[in-house]
C-alpha atoms as a PDB file:
ATOM      1  CA  UNK A   1       0.000   0.000   0.000  1.00  0.00           C
ATOM      2  CA  UNK A   2       2.796   2.424   0.936  1.00  0.00           C
ATOM      3  CA  UNK A   3       4.576   1.681  -2.369  1.00  0.00           C
ATOM      4  CA  UNK A   4       1.397   2.383  -4.344  1.00  0.00           C
ATOM      5  CA  UNK A   5       0.840   5.644  -2.452  1.00  0.00           C
ATOM      6  CA  UNK A   6       4.436   6.701  -3.085  1.00  0.00           C
ATOM      7  CA  UNK A   7       3.998   5.758  -6.735  1.00  0.00           C
ATOM      8  CA  UNK A   8       0.838   7.838  -6.932  1.00  0.00           C
ATOM      9  CA  UNK A   9       2.514  10.879  -5.398  1.00  0.00           C
ATOM     10  CA  UNK A  10       5.568  10.565  -7.671  1.00  0.00           C
ATOM     11  CA  UNK A  11       3.319  10.135 -10.700  1.00  0.00           C
ATOM     12  CA  UNK A  12       1.277  13.212  -9.791  1.00  0.00           C
ATOM     13  CA  UNK A  13       4.330  15.427  -9.228  1.00  0.00           C
ATOM     14  CA  UNK A  14       5.849  14.055 -12.426  1.00  0.00           C
ATOM     15  CA  UNK A  15       2.660  14.784 -14.350  1.00  0.00           C
ATOM     16  CA  UNK A  16       2.617  18.357 -13.074  1.00  0.00           C
ATOM     17  CA  UNK A  17       6.220  18.859 -14.262  1.00  0.00           C
ATOM     18  CA  UNK A  18       5.967  16.906 -17.510  1.00  0.00           C
ATOM     19  CA  UNK A  19       4.757  18.245 -20.864  1.00  0.00           C
ATOM     20  CA  UNK A  20       1.995  15.644 -21.132  1.00  0.00           C
ATOM     21  CA  UNK A  21      -0.872  18.090 -20.904  1.00  0.00           C
ATOM     22  CA  UNK A  22      -1.054  21.473 -22.600  1.00  0.00           C
ATOM     23  CA  UNK A  23      -1.593  23.507 -19.427  1.00  0.00           C
ATOM     24  CA  UNK A  24       1.226  22.399 -17.137  1.00  0.00           C
ATOM     25  CA  UNK A  25       3.999  23.857 -19.285  1.00  0.00           C
ATOM     26  CA  UNK A  26       2.287  27.242 -19.369  1.00  0.00           C
ATOM     27  CA  UNK A  27       1.247  27.225 -15.710  1.00  0.00           C
ATOM     28  CA  UNK A  28       4.150  25.374 -14.055  1.00  0.00           C
ATOM     29  CA  UNK A  29       7.230  24.847 -16.235  1.00  0.00           C
ATOM     30  CA  UNK A  30       7.419  28.255 -17.956  1.00  0.00           C
ATOM     31  CA  UNK A  31       7.281  30.248 -14.693  1.00  0.00           C
ATOM     32  CA  UNK A  32       9.568  27.780 -12.899  1.00  0.00           C
ATOM     33  CA  UNK A  33      12.087  27.824 -15.762  1.00  0.00           C
ATOM     34  CA  UNK A  34      11.901  31.612 -15.945  1.00  0.00           C
ATOM     35  CA  UNK A  35      12.673  31.887 -12.231  1.00  0.00           C
ATOM     36  CA  UNK A  36      15.540  29.414 -12.595  1.00  0.00           C
ATOM     37  CA  UNK A  37      16.975  31.406 -15.542  1.00  0.00           C
ATOM     38  CA  UNK A  38      16.745  34.850 -13.921  1.00  0.00           C
ATOM     39  CA  UNK A  39      19.880  34.552 -11.746  1.00  0.00           C
ATOM     40  CA  UNK A  40      21.932  33.500 -14.787  1.00  0.00           C
ATOM     41  CA  UNK A  41      20.468  36.338 -16.827  1.00  0.00           C
ATOM     42  CA  UNK A  42      21.393  38.774 -14.091  1.00  0.00           C
ATOM     43  CA  UNK A  43      24.987  37.537 -14.188  1.00  0.00           C
ATOM     44  CA  UNK A  44      25.074  37.950 -17.954  1.00  0.00           C
ATOM     45  CA  UNK A  45      22.104  38.709 -20.213  1.00  0.00           C
ATOM     46  CA  UNK A  46      23.425  36.286 -22.829  1.00  0.00           C
ATOM     47  CA  UNK A  47      22.975  33.445 -20.336  1.00  0.00           C
ATOM     48  CA  UNK A  48      19.243  34.092 -19.967  1.00  0.00           C
ATOM     49  CA  UNK A  49      18.014  32.262 -23.081  1.00  0.00           C
ATOM     50  CA  UNK A  50      20.202  29.159 -22.792  1.00  0.00           C
ATOM     51  CA  UNK A  51      19.519  28.828 -19.074  1.00  0.00           C
ATOM     52  CA  UNK A  52      15.774  29.266 -19.711  1.00  0.00           C
ATOM     53  CA  UNK A  53      15.796  26.458 -22.285  1.00  0.00           C
ATOM     54  CA  UNK A  54      17.986  24.207 -20.123  1.00  0.00           C
ATOM     55  CA  UNK A  55      15.784  24.804 -17.068  1.00  0.00           C
ATOM     56  CA  UNK A  56      12.684  24.053 -19.139  1.00  0.00           C
ATOM     57  CA  UNK A  57      14.127  20.761 -20.346  1.00  0.00           C
ATOM     58  CA  UNK A  58      15.292  19.850 -16.831  1.00  0.00           C
ATOM     59  CA  UNK A  59      11.780  20.347 -15.418  1.00  0.00           C
ATOM     60  CA  UNK A  60      10.334  18.209 -18.207  1.00  0.00           C
ATOM     61  CA  UNK A  61      12.923  15.452 -17.845  1.00  0.00           C
ATOM     62  CA  UNK A  62      12.446  15.351 -14.080  1.00  0.00           C
ATOM     63  CA  UNK A  63       8.686  15.198 -14.622  1.00  0.00           C
ATOM     64  CA  UNK A  64       8.933  12.326 -17.086  1.00  0.00           C
ATOM     65  CA  UNK A  65      11.331  10.419 -14.827  1.00  0.00           C
ATOM     66  CA  UNK A  66       9.112  10.901 -11.771  1.00  0.00           C
ATOM     67  CA  UNK A  67       6.094   9.684 -13.725  1.00  0.00           C
ATOM     68  CA  UNK A  68       8.026   6.653 -14.946  1.00  0.00           C
ATOM     69  CA  UNK A  69       9.211   5.771 -11.443  1.00  0.00           C
ATOM     70  CA  UNK A  70       5.753   6.372  -9.977  1.00  0.00           C
ATOM     71  CA  UNK A  71       3.957   4.264 -12.560  1.00  0.00           C
ATOM     72  CA  UNK A  72       6.455   1.452 -12.104  1.00  0.00           C
ATOM     73  CA  UNK A  73       5.786   1.541  -8.359  1.00  0.00           C
ATOM     74  CA  UNK A  74       2.078   1.207  -9.061  1.00  0.00           C
ATOM     75  CA  UNK A  75       2.922  -1.675 -11.467  1.00  0.00           C
ATOM     76  CA  UNK A  76       1.400  -0.483 -14.688  1.00  0.00           C
ATOM     77  CA  UNK A  77       0.388  -3.065 -17.233  1.00  0.00           C
ATOM     78  CA  UNK A  78       0.485  -0.586 -20.095  1.00  0.00           C
ATOM     79  CA  UNK A  79       1.641  -2.081 -23.393  1.00  0.00           C
ATOM     80  CA  UNK A  80       5.073  -1.161 -24.745  1.00  0.00           C
ATOM     81  CA  UNK A  81       3.755   0.479 -27.916  1.00  0.00           C
ATOM     82  CA  UNK A  82       1.434   2.674 -25.804  1.00  0.00           C
ATOM     83  CA  UNK A  83       4.415   3.788 -23.706  1.00  0.00           C
ATOM     84  CA  UNK A  84       6.419   4.516 -26.862  1.00  0.00           C
ATOM     85  CA  UNK A  85       3.564   6.566 -28.347  1.00  0.00           C
ATOM     86  CA  UNK A  86       3.240   8.531 -25.098  1.00  0.00           C
ATOM     87  CA  UNK A  87       6.988   9.216 -25.050  1.00  0.00           C
ATOM     88  CA  UNK A  88       7.007  10.417 -28.676  1.00  0.00           C
ATOM     89  CA  UNK A  89       4.033  12.715 -28.002  1.00  0.00           C
ATOM     90  CA  UNK A  90       5.783  14.089 -24.927  1.00  0.00           C
ATOM     91  CA  UNK A  91       8.974  14.791 -26.875  1.00  0.00           C
ATOM     92  CA  UNK A  92       7.047  16.543 -29.659  1.00  0.00           C
ATOM     93  CA  UNK A  93       5.299  18.831 -27.164  1.00  0.00           C
ATOM     94  CA  UNK A  94       8.608  19.465 -25.405  1.00  0.00           C
ATOM     95  CA  UNK A  95      10.237  20.535 -28.660  1.00  0.00           C
ATOM     96  CA  UNK A  96       7.282  22.773 -29.510  1.00  0.00           C
ATOM     97  CA  UNK A  97       7.515  24.555 -26.166  1.00  0.00           C
ATOM     98  CA  UNK A  98      11.293  24.870 -26.545  1.00  0.00           C
ATOM     99  CA  UNK A  99      10.800  26.656 -29.866  1.00  0.00           C
ATOM    100  CA  UNK A 100       8.148  28.816 -28.181  1.00  0.00           C
ATOM    101  CA  UNK A 101      10.558  29.767 -25.363  1.00  0.00           C
ATOM    102  CA  UNK A 102      13.288  30.669 -27.845  1.00  0.00           C
ATOM    103  CA  UNK A 103      10.866  32.713 -29.955  1.00  0.00           C
ATOM    104  CA  UNK A 104       9.439  34.577 -26.949  1.00  0.00           C
ATOM    105  CA  UNK A 105      12.898  35.453 -25.614  1.00  0.00           C
ATOM    106  CA  UNK A 106      14.349  36.450 -28.999  1.00  0.00           C
ATOM    107  CA  UNK A 107      11.343  38.657 -29.819  1.00  0.00           C
ATOM    108  CA  UNK A 108      11.532  40.346 -26.415  1.00  0.00           C
ATOM    109  CA  UNK A 109       8.174  39.093 -25.152  1.00  0.00           C
ATOM    110  CA  UNK A 110       9.918  37.267 -22.296  1.00  0.00           C
ATOM    111  CA  UNK A 111      12.879  39.100 -20.846  1.00  0.00           C
ATOM    112  CA  UNK A 112      14.580  39.950 -17.616  1.00  0.00           C
ATOM    113  CA  UNK A 113      12.689  42.794 -15.926  1.00  0.00           C
ATOM    114  CA  UNK A 114      14.528  46.122 -16.294  1.00  0.00           C
ATOM    115  CA  UNK A 115      14.191  46.775 -12.570  1.00  0.00           C
ATOM    116  CA  UNK A 116      16.148  43.602 -11.825  1.00  0.00           C
ATOM    117  CA  UNK A 117      18.769  44.390 -14.457  1.00  0.00           C
ATOM    118  CA  UNK A 118      19.251  47.869 -13.011  1.00  0.00           C
ATOM    119  CA  UNK A 119      19.390  46.543  -9.482  1.00  0.00           C
ATOM    120  CA  UNK A 120      21.773  43.636 -10.052  1.00  0.00           C
ATOM    121  CA  UNK A 121      23.364  44.446 -13.432  1.00  0.00           C
END
């Protein structure tokens, strides 16, 4: 029972961090990645974009790994081809959001707030 509960908790946290649904990247991973990238951007503005993308991928990878571990603890009987399809879909969404992050930063929609740059830069 404890293993199944742990698996459920890990799966839930993993789901929240993973790119499996359309909303969690916008609501969780983008803001979290932005916050993780800010200190690097304050050190050097050129570090903002790469650290944003790296942080985004880290949150997604951690989410996918936590889901995988959690589901294995619950002992999923999902077929291999279903798992492969889910992984491919996840990677496609992850790449889409990576392109979105790059586009938003390069076009100036997402940037380090001027007040922070003036304060720490």
